[in-house]
């Protein structure tokens, strides 16, 4: 595993940042604010729209958790 991580750290700078964030080595980057998001599903409520914006604004990774069977994004 160490060899695989070290190899990916050397080969792909974008990927290495993700690995460092996932392993807790660095803090995630600040979000890019996205104001104008076209929503294709009119049935999304405000909370669901906020979750979509959160995912789109996150640079490296975003985690969205919702109730089983009801989460729609």
C-alpha atoms as a PDB file:
ATOM      1  CA  UNK A   1       0.000   0.000   0.000  1.00  0.00           C
ATOM      2  CA  UNK A   2       2.814   2.385   0.848  1.00  0.00           C
ATOM      3  CA  UNK A   3       4.419   1.734  -2.532  1.00  0.00           C
ATOM      4  CA  UNK A   4       1.125   2.457  -4.345  1.00  0.00           C
ATOM      5  CA  UNK A   5       0.606   5.697  -2.411  1.00  0.00           C
ATOM      6  CA  UNK A   6       4.175   6.841  -2.972  1.00  0.00           C
ATOM      7  CA  UNK A   7       3.924   6.026  -6.686  1.00  0.00           C
ATOM      8  CA  UNK A   8       0.725   7.993  -7.111  1.00  0.00           C
ATOM      9  CA  UNK A   9       2.154  10.912  -5.130  1.00  0.00           C
ATOM     10  CA  UNK A  10       5.068  11.108  -7.585  1.00  0.00           C
ATOM     11  CA  UNK A  11       3.077  10.611 -10.778  1.00  0.00           C
ATOM     12  CA  UNK A  12      -0.043  12.782 -10.533  1.00  0.00           C
ATOM     13  CA  UNK A  13      -0.049  16.051  -8.558  1.00  0.00           C
ATOM     14  CA  UNK A  14      -3.870  16.385  -8.712  1.00  0.00           C
ATOM     15  CA  UNK A  15      -4.345  12.866  -7.446  1.00  0.00           C
ATOM     16  CA  UNK A  16      -1.726  13.319  -4.746  1.00  0.00           C
ATOM     17  CA  UNK A  17      -3.680  16.258  -3.298  1.00  0.00           C
ATOM     18  CA  UNK A  18      -6.786  14.056  -3.104  1.00  0.00           C
ATOM     19  CA  UNK A  19      -4.811  11.287  -1.411  1.00  0.00           C
ATOM     20  CA  UNK A  20      -3.360  13.755   1.083  1.00  0.00           C
ATOM     21  CA  UNK A  21      -6.842  15.084   1.907  1.00  0.00           C
ATOM     22  CA  UNK A  22      -8.326  11.592   2.266  1.00  0.00           C
ATOM     23  CA  UNK A  23      -5.483  10.498   4.540  1.00  0.00           C
ATOM     24  CA  UNK A  24      -5.831  13.612   6.687  1.00  0.00           C
ATOM     25  CA  UNK A  25      -2.383  14.898   5.768  1.00  0.00           C
ATOM     26  CA  UNK A  26      -3.751  18.291   4.619  1.00  0.00           C
ATOM     27  CA  UNK A  27      -7.008  20.165   5.008  1.00  0.00           C
ATOM     28  CA  UNK A  28      -9.377  20.249   2.012  1.00  0.00           C
ATOM     29  CA  UNK A  29      -9.209  23.329  -0.185  1.00  0.00           C
ATOM     30  CA  UNK A  30     -11.704  26.130   0.295  1.00  0.00           C
ATOM     31  CA  UNK A  31     -14.868  25.770  -1.730  1.00  0.00           C
ATOM     32  CA  UNK A  32     -15.376  27.541  -5.030  1.00  0.00           C
ATOM     33  CA  UNK A  33     -18.641  29.449  -4.666  1.00  0.00           C
ATOM     34  CA  UNK A  34     -21.186  28.404  -7.298  1.00  0.00           C
ATOM     35  CA  UNK A  35     -24.187  30.720  -7.431  1.00  0.00           C
ATOM     36  CA  UNK A  36     -25.800  29.913 -10.755  1.00  0.00           C
ATOM     37  CA  UNK A  37     -26.543  26.202 -10.852  1.00  0.00           C
ATOM     38  CA  UNK A  38     -29.162  25.068 -13.364  1.00  0.00           C
ATOM     39  CA  UNK A  39     -31.309  22.412 -11.675  1.00  0.00           C
ATOM     40  CA  UNK A  40     -32.884  19.931 -14.061  1.00  0.00           C
ATOM     41  CA  UNK A  41     -35.180  18.395 -11.432  1.00  0.00           C
ATOM     42  CA  UNK A  42     -37.841  20.844 -10.272  1.00  0.00           C
ATOM     43  CA  UNK A  43     -38.832  18.536  -7.421  1.00  0.00           C
ATOM     44  CA  UNK A  44     -35.613  19.156  -5.428  1.00  0.00           C
ATOM     45  CA  UNK A  45     -36.246  20.967  -2.160  1.00  0.00           C
ATOM     46  CA  UNK A  46     -33.947  23.662  -0.734  1.00  0.00           C
ATOM     47  CA  UNK A  47     -31.951  21.158   1.323  1.00  0.00           C
ATOM     48  CA  UNK A  48     -31.303  18.969  -1.717  1.00  0.00           C
ATOM     49  CA  UNK A  49     -30.296  21.990  -3.798  1.00  0.00           C
ATOM     50  CA  UNK A  50     -27.865  23.019  -1.048  1.00  0.00           C
ATOM     51  CA  UNK A  51     -26.362  19.509  -1.135  1.00  0.00           C
ATOM     52  CA  UNK A  52     -25.867  19.751  -4.918  1.00  0.00           C
ATOM     53  CA  UNK A  53     -24.189  23.154  -4.552  1.00  0.00           C
ATOM     54  CA  UNK A  54     -21.980  21.785  -1.757  1.00  0.00           C
ATOM     55  CA  UNK A  55     -20.814  18.911  -3.981  1.00  0.00           C
ATOM     56  CA  UNK A  56     -20.152  21.199  -6.944  1.00  0.00           C
ATOM     57  CA  UNK A  57     -18.251  23.711  -4.808  1.00  0.00           C
ATOM     58  CA  UNK A  58     -15.990  21.121  -3.157  1.00  0.00           C
ATOM     59  CA  UNK A  59     -12.586  20.893  -4.800  1.00  0.00           C
ATOM     60  CA  UNK A  60     -11.274  17.481  -3.769  1.00  0.00           C
ATOM     61  CA  UNK A  61     -14.139  15.510  -2.260  1.00  0.00           C
ATOM     62  CA  UNK A  62     -17.660  15.927  -0.909  1.00  0.00           C
ATOM     63  CA  UNK A  63     -19.745  13.547   1.175  1.00  0.00           C
ATOM     64  CA  UNK A  64     -23.523  13.820   1.170  1.00  0.00           C
ATOM     65  CA  UNK A  65     -25.557  11.685   3.546  1.00  0.00           C
ATOM     66  CA  UNK A  66     -29.291  11.304   3.426  1.00  0.00           C
ATOM     67  CA  UNK A  67     -31.981   8.920   4.607  1.00  0.00           C
ATOM     68  CA  UNK A  68     -31.918   5.531   2.808  1.00  0.00           C
ATOM     69  CA  UNK A  69     -34.215   5.405  -0.184  1.00  0.00           C
ATOM     70  CA  UNK A  70     -35.038   9.096  -0.116  1.00  0.00           C
ATOM     71  CA  UNK A  71     -31.785  10.712  -1.215  1.00  0.00           C
ATOM     72  CA  UNK A  72     -32.032  12.174  -4.711  1.00  0.00           C
ATOM     73  CA  UNK A  73     -29.266  14.235  -6.309  1.00  0.00           C
END
